[in-house]
């Protein structure tokens, strides 16, 4: 059975998913579970629910997800996990012809220093940065990482056709590890899922505990997802769960 827990309160991605479903002309049918049944709190089949494991840790940094049209509907989307863990997570649907007022207001909010996270090889060099500015450079401002949550072809289009992002620096990541994400295939080993990118950003922002919890939570989610896909029970005493417990304990001890 899944973790016995009440549904967590809806966060930014959950609200965006509800709005997207409300606009759908026909129901979105995700594969898996009896008749496609999935937990509304974690999008896994009920027998593999992880709502009772949802961690949240303090983080000064924020994350702004610009999501391609169907991303909020996909059970494998990992932007949802970022919103589970990082309290300052915002989510907006992307459209070529309009910008949501809430996004405009967020990007203009003086408490934030936005960074567009995108590979530097596709950007003019004068916009590219490899580090997050320390507080003494941008006093009083919190880093806000803008992540284009989409497939790689969609993300490139979103980057080109979002001129309101042109005034912000582009944070180009150069991670050494290979992506561990197993739920969707990429032709390139250096393509990371959205949650992995967010964890790398949190690390750069001096938030190692939040980064470690997010990485561990991604591993737990992946484990439950794949176990349900193969009709196997989750290993609740296995390495993924143990790593999440350890990361949470460390975050609480240092929080």
C-alpha atoms as a PDB file:
ATOM      1  CA  UNK A   1       0.000   0.000   0.000  1.00  0.00           C
ATOM      2  CA  UNK A   2       1.045   3.635  -0.434  1.00  0.00           C
ATOM      3  CA  UNK A   3       2.064   6.012   2.315  1.00  0.00           C
ATOM      4  CA  UNK A   4      -0.986   6.749   4.513  1.00  0.00           C
ATOM      5  CA  UNK A   5      -1.209  10.527   4.320  1.00  0.00           C
ATOM      6  CA  UNK A   6      -3.596  13.334   3.659  1.00  0.00           C
ATOM      7  CA  UNK A   7      -3.155  15.055   0.339  1.00  0.00           C
ATOM      8  CA  UNK A   8      -0.627  17.886   0.625  1.00  0.00           C
ATOM      9  CA  UNK A   9      -1.919  21.409  -0.051  1.00  0.00           C
ATOM     10  CA  UNK A  10      -1.772  22.336  -3.742  1.00  0.00           C
ATOM     11  CA  UNK A  11       1.383  24.131  -4.781  1.00  0.00           C
ATOM     12  CA  UNK A  12       2.128  26.201  -7.881  1.00  0.00           C
ATOM     13  CA  UNK A  13       2.504  23.250 -10.269  1.00  0.00           C
ATOM     14  CA  UNK A  14      -0.568  21.478  -8.900  1.00  0.00           C
ATOM     15  CA  UNK A  15      -2.619  24.643  -9.430  1.00  0.00           C
ATOM     16  CA  UNK A  16      -1.259  25.045 -12.957  1.00  0.00           C
ATOM     17  CA  UNK A  17      -2.149  21.425 -13.698  1.00  0.00           C
ATOM     18  CA  UNK A  18      -5.703  21.995 -12.457  1.00  0.00           C
ATOM     19  CA  UNK A  19      -6.031  25.095 -14.638  1.00  0.00           C
ATOM     20  CA  UNK A  20      -4.704  23.210 -17.661  1.00  0.00           C
ATOM     21  CA  UNK A  21      -7.112  20.314 -17.090  1.00  0.00           C
ATOM     22  CA  UNK A  22     -10.005  22.740 -16.799  1.00  0.00           C
ATOM     23  CA  UNK A  23      -9.153  24.093 -20.275  1.00  0.00           C
ATOM     24  CA  UNK A  24      -8.899  20.674 -21.885  1.00  0.00           C
ATOM     25  CA  UNK A  25     -11.508  19.757 -24.448  1.00  0.00           C
ATOM     26  CA  UNK A  26     -11.086  16.079 -23.565  1.00  0.00           C
ATOM     27  CA  UNK A  27      -9.756  14.291 -20.470  1.00  0.00           C
ATOM     28  CA  UNK A  28      -6.025  13.695 -20.176  1.00  0.00           C
ATOM     29  CA  UNK A  29      -5.484   9.948 -19.719  1.00  0.00           C
ATOM     30  CA  UNK A  30      -2.198   8.986 -18.118  1.00  0.00           C
ATOM     31  CA  UNK A  31      -1.050   5.410 -18.450  1.00  0.00           C
ATOM     32  CA  UNK A  32      -0.815   3.129 -15.445  1.00  0.00           C
ATOM     33  CA  UNK A  33      -2.941   2.071 -12.519  1.00  0.00           C
ATOM     34  CA  UNK A  34      -6.448   0.661 -12.577  1.00  0.00           C
ATOM     35  CA  UNK A  35      -8.148   2.483 -15.429  1.00  0.00           C
ATOM     36  CA  UNK A  36      -5.340   5.039 -15.362  1.00  0.00           C
ATOM     37  CA  UNK A  37      -6.033   5.982 -11.723  1.00  0.00           C
ATOM     38  CA  UNK A  38      -3.358   8.149 -10.134  1.00  0.00           C
ATOM     39  CA  UNK A  39      -2.985   9.944  -6.818  1.00  0.00           C
ATOM     40  CA  UNK A  40      -3.816  13.649  -7.303  1.00  0.00           C
ATOM     41  CA  UNK A  41      -1.152  14.585  -4.766  1.00  0.00           C
ATOM     42  CA  UNK A  42       1.884  12.905  -6.355  1.00  0.00           C
ATOM     43  CA  UNK A  43       0.596  11.572  -9.738  1.00  0.00           C
ATOM     44  CA  UNK A  44       1.741   8.018  -8.985  1.00  0.00           C
ATOM     45  CA  UNK A  45      -0.570   5.020  -8.916  1.00  0.00           C
ATOM     46  CA  UNK A  46      -2.229   4.845  -5.466  1.00  0.00           C
ATOM     47  CA  UNK A  47      -0.310   1.733  -4.400  1.00  0.00           C
ATOM     48  CA  UNK A  48       2.978   3.623  -4.875  1.00  0.00           C
ATOM     49  CA  UNK A  49       1.904   7.011  -3.483  1.00  0.00           C
ATOM     50  CA  UNK A  50       4.680   9.168  -1.946  1.00  0.00           C
ATOM     51  CA  UNK A  51       2.527  11.957  -0.479  1.00  0.00           C
ATOM     52  CA  UNK A  52       3.573  10.872   3.006  1.00  0.00           C
ATOM     53  CA  UNK A  53       7.216  11.372   2.044  1.00  0.00           C
ATOM     54  CA  UNK A  54       6.884  14.882   0.661  1.00  0.00           C
ATOM     55  CA  UNK A  55       9.758  16.950   2.089  1.00  0.00           C
ATOM     56  CA  UNK A  56       9.973  20.716   2.317  1.00  0.00           C
ATOM     57  CA  UNK A  57      13.091  22.528   3.405  1.00  0.00           C
ATOM     58  CA  UNK A  58      13.809  26.243   3.887  1.00  0.00           C
ATOM     59  CA  UNK A  59      15.469  27.874   0.904  1.00  0.00           C
ATOM     60  CA  UNK A  60      16.274  31.498   0.264  1.00  0.00           C
ATOM     61  CA  UNK A  61      16.453  30.879  -3.494  1.00  0.00           C
ATOM     62  CA  UNK A  62      13.329  30.580  -5.612  1.00  0.00           C
ATOM     63  CA  UNK A  63      12.436  28.694  -8.771  1.00  0.00           C
ATOM     64  CA  UNK A  64      10.207  29.955 -11.577  1.00  0.00           C
ATOM     65  CA  UNK A  65       8.993  27.199 -13.897  1.00  0.00           C
ATOM     66  CA  UNK A  66       7.924  28.200 -17.387  1.00  0.00           C
ATOM     67  CA  UNK A  67       6.100  25.076 -18.491  1.00  0.00           C
ATOM     68  CA  UNK A  68       5.288  23.927 -22.003  1.00  0.00           C
ATOM     69  CA  UNK A  69       1.613  23.314 -22.613  1.00  0.00           C
ATOM     70  CA  UNK A  70       1.336  19.640 -21.627  1.00  0.00           C
ATOM     71  CA  UNK A  71       4.154  19.418 -19.061  1.00  0.00           C
ATOM     72  CA  UNK A  72       1.894  19.967 -16.014  1.00  0.00           C
ATOM     73  CA  UNK A  73      -0.204  16.999 -17.161  1.00  0.00           C
ATOM     74  CA  UNK A  74       2.614  14.461 -17.445  1.00  0.00           C
ATOM     75  CA  UNK A  75       3.032  12.079 -14.484  1.00  0.00           C
ATOM     76  CA  UNK A  76       6.779  11.964 -15.181  1.00  0.00           C
ATOM     77  CA  UNK A  77       7.200  15.755 -14.925  1.00  0.00           C
ATOM     78  CA  UNK A  78       9.773  16.612 -12.251  1.00  0.00           C
ATOM     79  CA  UNK A  79       8.942  20.306 -11.921  1.00  0.00           C
ATOM     80  CA  UNK A  80       6.254  19.031  -9.551  1.00  0.00           C
ATOM     81  CA  UNK A  81       8.977  17.677  -7.254  1.00  0.00           C
ATOM     82  CA  UNK A  82      10.690  21.078  -7.095  1.00  0.00           C
ATOM     83  CA  UNK A  83       7.436  22.652  -5.933  1.00  0.00           C
ATOM     84  CA  UNK A  84       7.108  19.905  -3.316  1.00  0.00           C
ATOM     85  CA  UNK A  85      10.527  20.695  -1.840  1.00  0.00           C
ATOM     86  CA  UNK A  86      11.226  24.411  -2.441  1.00  0.00           C
ATOM     87  CA  UNK A  87       8.668  26.764  -0.838  1.00  0.00           C
ATOM     88  CA  UNK A  88       9.484  29.624  -3.243  1.00  0.00           C
ATOM     89  CA  UNK A  89       8.444  27.805  -6.414  1.00  0.00           C
ATOM     90  CA  UNK A  90       6.295  29.557  -9.036  1.00  0.00           C
ATOM     91  CA  UNK A  91       4.819  27.962 -12.154  1.00  0.00           C
ATOM     92  CA  UNK A  92       3.396  29.529 -15.314  1.00  0.00           C
ATOM     93  CA  UNK A  93       2.246  28.091 -18.587  1.00  0.00           C
ATOM     94  CA  UNK A  94       4.248  29.350 -21.565  1.00  0.00           C
ATOM     95  CA  UNK A  95       2.614  30.759 -24.682  1.00  0.00           C
ATOM     96  CA  UNK A  96       4.271  32.465 -27.632  1.00  0.00           C
ATOM     97  CA  UNK A  97       1.648  35.192 -27.979  1.00  0.00           C
ATOM     98  CA  UNK A  98       1.046  36.225 -24.367  1.00  0.00           C
ATOM     99  CA  UNK A  99       2.737  36.556 -20.997  1.00  0.00           C
ATOM    100  CA  UNK A 100       0.787  35.928 -17.830  1.00  0.00           C
ATOM    101  CA  UNK A 101       0.451  39.020 -15.590  1.00  0.00           C
ATOM    102  CA  UNK A 102       1.615  37.025 -12.580  1.00  0.00           C
ATOM    103  CA  UNK A 103       4.876  36.222 -14.356  1.00  0.00           C
ATOM    104  CA  UNK A 104       5.409  39.876 -15.303  1.00  0.00           C
ATOM    105  CA  UNK A 105       4.855  40.885 -11.671  1.00  0.00           C
ATOM    106  CA  UNK A 106       7.218  38.217 -10.372  1.00  0.00           C
ATOM    107  CA  UNK A 107      10.044  39.205 -12.718  1.00  0.00           C
ATOM    108  CA  UNK A 108       9.611  42.844 -11.685  1.00  0.00           C
ATOM    109  CA  UNK A 109       9.572  42.095  -7.946  1.00  0.00           C
ATOM    110  CA  UNK A 110      12.650  43.833  -6.445  1.00  0.00           C
ATOM    111  CA  UNK A 111      13.271  41.055  -3.921  1.00  0.00           C
ATOM    112  CA  UNK A 112      14.388  38.695  -6.712  1.00  0.00           C
ATOM    113  CA  UNK A 113      17.440  38.518  -8.975  1.00  0.00           C
ATOM    114  CA  UNK A 114      16.286  36.353 -11.912  1.00  0.00           C
ATOM    115  CA  UNK A 115      18.619  34.013 -13.788  1.00  0.00           C
ATOM    116  CA  UNK A 116      17.521  32.220 -16.953  1.00  0.00           C
ATOM    117  CA  UNK A 117      19.013  28.735 -16.797  1.00  0.00           C
ATOM    118  CA  UNK A 118      20.054  27.693 -20.288  1.00  0.00           C
ATOM    119  CA  UNK A 119      23.158  26.308 -22.056  1.00  0.00           C
ATOM    120  CA  UNK A 120      25.640  29.096 -22.731  1.00  0.00           C
ATOM    121  CA  UNK A 121      26.592  27.724 -26.140  1.00  0.00           C
ATOM    122  CA  UNK A 122      23.302  29.053 -27.531  1.00  0.00           C
ATOM    123  CA  UNK A 123      23.552  32.526 -25.962  1.00  0.00           C
ATOM    124  CA  UNK A 124      25.581  35.677 -26.621  1.00  0.00           C
ATOM    125  CA  UNK A 125      28.645  35.465 -24.398  1.00  0.00           C
ATOM    126  CA  UNK A 126      28.021  38.806 -22.669  1.00  0.00           C
ATOM    127  CA  UNK A 127      24.831  37.432 -21.098  1.00  0.00           C
ATOM    128  CA  UNK A 128      26.330  34.198 -19.794  1.00  0.00           C
ATOM    129  CA  UNK A 129      27.329  33.710 -16.160  1.00  0.00           C
ATOM    130  CA  UNK A 130      28.614  30.562 -14.482  1.00  0.00           C
ATOM    131  CA  UNK A 131      27.986  31.574 -10.879  1.00  0.00           C
ATOM    132  CA  UNK A 132      25.249  33.110  -8.767  1.00  0.00           C
ATOM    133  CA  UNK A 133      26.084  36.631  -7.610  1.00  0.00           C
ATOM    134  CA  UNK A 134      26.833  36.829  -3.869  1.00  0.00           C
ATOM    135  CA  UNK A 135      24.723  38.984  -1.573  1.00  0.00           C
ATOM    136  CA  UNK A 136      27.276  41.790  -1.481  1.00  0.00           C
ATOM    137  CA  UNK A 137      26.901  42.184  -5.268  1.00  0.00           C
ATOM    138  CA  UNK A 138      23.097  42.252  -5.283  1.00  0.00           C
ATOM    139  CA  UNK A 139      22.300  43.171  -1.654  1.00  0.00           C
ATOM    140  CA  UNK A 140      18.888  42.124  -0.412  1.00  0.00           C
ATOM    141  CA  UNK A 141      18.038  40.164  -3.552  1.00  0.00           C
ATOM    142  CA  UNK A 142      17.235  36.466  -3.603  1.00  0.00           C
ATOM    143  CA  UNK A 143      18.230  34.374  -6.635  1.00  0.00           C
ATOM    144  CA  UNK A 144      15.277  33.275  -8.774  1.00  0.00           C
ATOM    145  CA  UNK A 145      16.091  30.520 -11.238  1.00  0.00           C
ATOM    146  CA  UNK A 146      13.931  30.531 -14.364  1.00  0.00           C
ATOM    147  CA  UNK A 147      13.695  26.991 -15.723  1.00  0.00           C
ATOM    148  CA  UNK A 148      12.172  26.181 -19.105  1.00  0.00           C
ATOM    149  CA  UNK A 149      10.288  22.996 -18.278  1.00  0.00           C
ATOM    150  CA  UNK A 150       9.873  21.297 -21.629  1.00  0.00           C
ATOM    151  CA  UNK A 151      11.481  18.910 -24.067  1.00  0.00           C
ATOM    152  CA  UNK A 152      14.754  20.189 -25.482  1.00  0.00           C
ATOM    153  CA  UNK A 153      13.255  21.294 -28.851  1.00  0.00           C
ATOM    154  CA  UNK A 154      10.418  23.047 -27.006  1.00  0.00           C
ATOM    155  CA  UNK A 155      12.825  24.712 -24.576  1.00  0.00           C
ATOM    156  CA  UNK A 156      14.929  26.140 -27.414  1.00  0.00           C
ATOM    157  CA  UNK A 157      11.808  27.604 -29.010  1.00  0.00           C
ATOM    158  CA  UNK A 158      10.656  29.038 -25.680  1.00  0.00           C
ATOM    159  CA  UNK A 159      14.034  30.671 -25.128  1.00  0.00           C
ATOM    160  CA  UNK A 160      14.061  32.274 -28.582  1.00  0.00           C
ATOM    161  CA  UNK A 161      10.480  33.494 -28.413  1.00  0.00           C
ATOM    162  CA  UNK A 162      10.422  34.977 -24.912  1.00  0.00           C
ATOM    163  CA  UNK A 163      11.876  38.470 -25.375  1.00  0.00           C
ATOM    164  CA  UNK A 164      10.838  39.481 -21.840  1.00  0.00           C
ATOM    165  CA  UNK A 165      13.664  37.233 -20.601  1.00  0.00           C
ATOM    166  CA  UNK A 166      16.339  38.989 -22.669  1.00  0.00           C
ATOM    167  CA  UNK A 167      17.258  41.454 -19.921  1.00  0.00           C
ATOM    168  CA  UNK A 168      18.308  38.755 -17.455  1.00  0.00           C
ATOM    169  CA  UNK A 169      21.643  36.960 -17.154  1.00  0.00           C
ATOM    170  CA  UNK A 170      21.810  33.394 -18.421  1.00  0.00           C
ATOM    171  CA  UNK A 171      23.170  30.875 -15.951  1.00  0.00           C
ATOM    172  CA  UNK A 172      24.994  28.165 -17.862  1.00  0.00           C
ATOM    173  CA  UNK A 173      25.579  24.987 -15.874  1.00  0.00           C
ATOM    174  CA  UNK A 174      28.602  22.777 -16.430  1.00  0.00           C
ATOM    175  CA  UNK A 175      27.814  19.697 -14.322  1.00  0.00           C
ATOM    176  CA  UNK A 176      30.323  16.871 -14.253  1.00  0.00           C
ATOM    177  CA  UNK A 177      27.957  14.042 -13.430  1.00  0.00           C
ATOM    178  CA  UNK A 178      25.778  12.177 -15.917  1.00  0.00           C
ATOM    179  CA  UNK A 179      22.019  12.529 -15.541  1.00  0.00           C
ATOM    180  CA  UNK A 180      20.415   9.834 -13.375  1.00  0.00           C
ATOM    181  CA  UNK A 181      16.914  10.512 -14.697  1.00  0.00           C
ATOM    182  CA  UNK A 182      15.346   7.356 -16.130  1.00  0.00           C
ATOM    183  CA  UNK A 183      11.735   8.244 -16.884  1.00  0.00           C
ATOM    184  CA  UNK A 184      12.241   9.863 -20.294  1.00  0.00           C
ATOM    185  CA  UNK A 185      14.978   9.260 -22.827  1.00  0.00           C
ATOM    186  CA  UNK A 186      17.340  11.878 -24.188  1.00  0.00           C
ATOM    187  CA  UNK A 187      19.828  11.459 -26.999  1.00  0.00           C
ATOM    188  CA  UNK A 188      22.414  13.376 -24.996  1.00  0.00           C
ATOM    189  CA  UNK A 189      23.784  12.220 -21.651  1.00  0.00           C
ATOM    190  CA  UNK A 190      24.369  15.832 -20.589  1.00  0.00           C
ATOM    191  CA  UNK A 191      20.661  16.678 -20.748  1.00  0.00           C
ATOM    192  CA  UNK A 192      19.265  16.850 -17.235  1.00  0.00           C
ATOM    193  CA  UNK A 193      15.691  16.662 -16.030  1.00  0.00           C
ATOM    194  CA  UNK A 194      14.176  19.792 -14.507  1.00  0.00           C
ATOM    195  CA  UNK A 195      14.579  18.661 -10.892  1.00  0.00           C
ATOM    196  CA  UNK A 196      18.264  17.845 -11.447  1.00  0.00           C
ATOM    197  CA  UNK A 197      18.818  21.306 -12.923  1.00  0.00           C
ATOM    198  CA  UNK A 198      17.064  22.922  -9.948  1.00  0.00           C
ATOM    199  CA  UNK A 199      19.251  20.972  -7.522  1.00  0.00           C
ATOM    200  CA  UNK A 200      22.404  22.155  -9.321  1.00  0.00           C
ATOM    201  CA  UNK A 201      21.127  25.741  -9.137  1.00  0.00           C
ATOM    202  CA  UNK A 202      20.383  25.448  -5.420  1.00  0.00           C
ATOM    203  CA  UNK A 203      23.912  24.173  -4.859  1.00  0.00           C
ATOM    204  CA  UNK A 204      25.339  27.200  -6.688  1.00  0.00           C
ATOM    205  CA  UNK A 205      23.122  29.472  -4.585  1.00  0.00           C
ATOM    206  CA  UNK A 206      24.630  28.121  -1.366  1.00  0.00           C
ATOM    207  CA  UNK A 207      21.674  25.874  -0.552  1.00  0.00           C
ATOM    208  CA  UNK A 208      23.352  22.432  -0.353  1.00  0.00           C
ATOM    209  CA  UNK A 209      20.804  20.925   2.033  1.00  0.00           C
ATOM    210  CA  UNK A 210      17.872  21.814  -0.209  1.00  0.00           C
ATOM    211  CA  UNK A 211      19.812  20.506  -3.227  1.00  0.00           C
ATOM    212  CA  UNK A 212      20.540  17.179  -1.533  1.00  0.00           C
ATOM    213  CA  UNK A 213      16.938  16.722  -0.405  1.00  0.00           C
ATOM    214  CA  UNK A 214      15.652  17.458  -3.901  1.00  0.00           C
ATOM    215  CA  UNK A 215      18.105  14.999  -5.468  1.00  0.00           C
ATOM    216  CA  UNK A 216      17.142  12.299  -2.961  1.00  0.00           C
ATOM    217  CA  UNK A 217      13.433  12.975  -3.425  1.00  0.00           C
ATOM    218  CA  UNK A 218      13.854  12.648  -7.201  1.00  0.00           C
ATOM    219  CA  UNK A 219      15.447   9.237  -6.668  1.00  0.00           C
ATOM    220  CA  UNK A 220      12.539   8.124  -4.458  1.00  0.00           C
ATOM    221  CA  UNK A 221      10.005   9.350  -7.018  1.00  0.00           C
ATOM    222  CA  UNK A 222      11.867   7.601  -9.837  1.00  0.00           C
ATOM    223  CA  UNK A 223      12.048   4.377  -7.846  1.00  0.00           C
ATOM    224  CA  UNK A 224       8.315   4.382  -7.088  1.00  0.00           C
ATOM    225  CA  UNK A 225       7.459   5.310 -10.677  1.00  0.00           C
ATOM    226  CA  UNK A 226       9.536   2.510 -12.195  1.00  0.00           C
ATOM    227  CA  UNK A 227       8.424  -0.072  -9.622  1.00  0.00           C
ATOM    228  CA  UNK A 228       4.793   0.700 -10.407  1.00  0.00           C
ATOM    229  CA  UNK A 229       5.522   0.493 -14.128  1.00  0.00           C
ATOM    230  CA  UNK A 230       6.903  -3.028 -13.624  1.00  0.00           C
ATOM    231  CA  UNK A 231       4.117  -3.936 -11.166  1.00  0.00           C
ATOM    232  CA  UNK A 232       6.559  -4.372  -8.283  1.00  0.00           C
ATOM    233  CA  UNK A 233       6.196  -2.994  -4.742  1.00  0.00           C
ATOM    234  CA  UNK A 234       8.442  -0.072  -3.748  1.00  0.00           C
ATOM    235  CA  UNK A 235      11.412  -0.890  -1.524  1.00  0.00           C
ATOM    236  CA  UNK A 236      10.673   1.389   1.400  1.00  0.00           C
ATOM    237  CA  UNK A 237      13.785   0.240   3.237  1.00  0.00           C
ATOM    238  CA  UNK A 238      15.932   0.494   0.120  1.00  0.00           C
ATOM    239  CA  UNK A 239      18.750   2.932  -0.709  1.00  0.00           C
ATOM    240  CA  UNK A 240      16.553   5.664  -2.245  1.00  0.00           C
ATOM    241  CA  UNK A 241      14.396   5.973   0.876  1.00  0.00           C
ATOM    242  CA  UNK A 242      17.431   5.772   3.157  1.00  0.00           C
ATOM    243  CA  UNK A 243      19.149   8.588   1.253  1.00  0.00           C
ATOM    244  CA  UNK A 244      16.064  10.805   1.510  1.00  0.00           C
ATOM    245  CA  UNK A 245      15.805  10.214   5.264  1.00  0.00           C
ATOM    246  CA  UNK A 246      19.485  11.051   5.685  1.00  0.00           C
ATOM    247  CA  UNK A 247      19.265  14.203   3.570  1.00  0.00           C
ATOM    248  CA  UNK A 248      16.205  15.401   5.492  1.00  0.00           C
ATOM    249  CA  UNK A 249      17.827  14.728   8.837  1.00  0.00           C
ATOM    250  CA  UNK A 250      20.905  16.716   7.783  1.00  0.00           C
ATOM    251  CA  UNK A 251      18.763  19.590   6.494  1.00  0.00           C
ATOM    252  CA  UNK A 252      16.784  19.744   9.742  1.00  0.00           C
ATOM    253  CA  UNK A 253      19.952  19.582  11.832  1.00  0.00           C
ATOM    254  CA  UNK A 254      21.470  22.506   9.947  1.00  0.00           C
ATOM    255  CA  UNK A 255      18.236  24.402   9.405  1.00  0.00           C
END
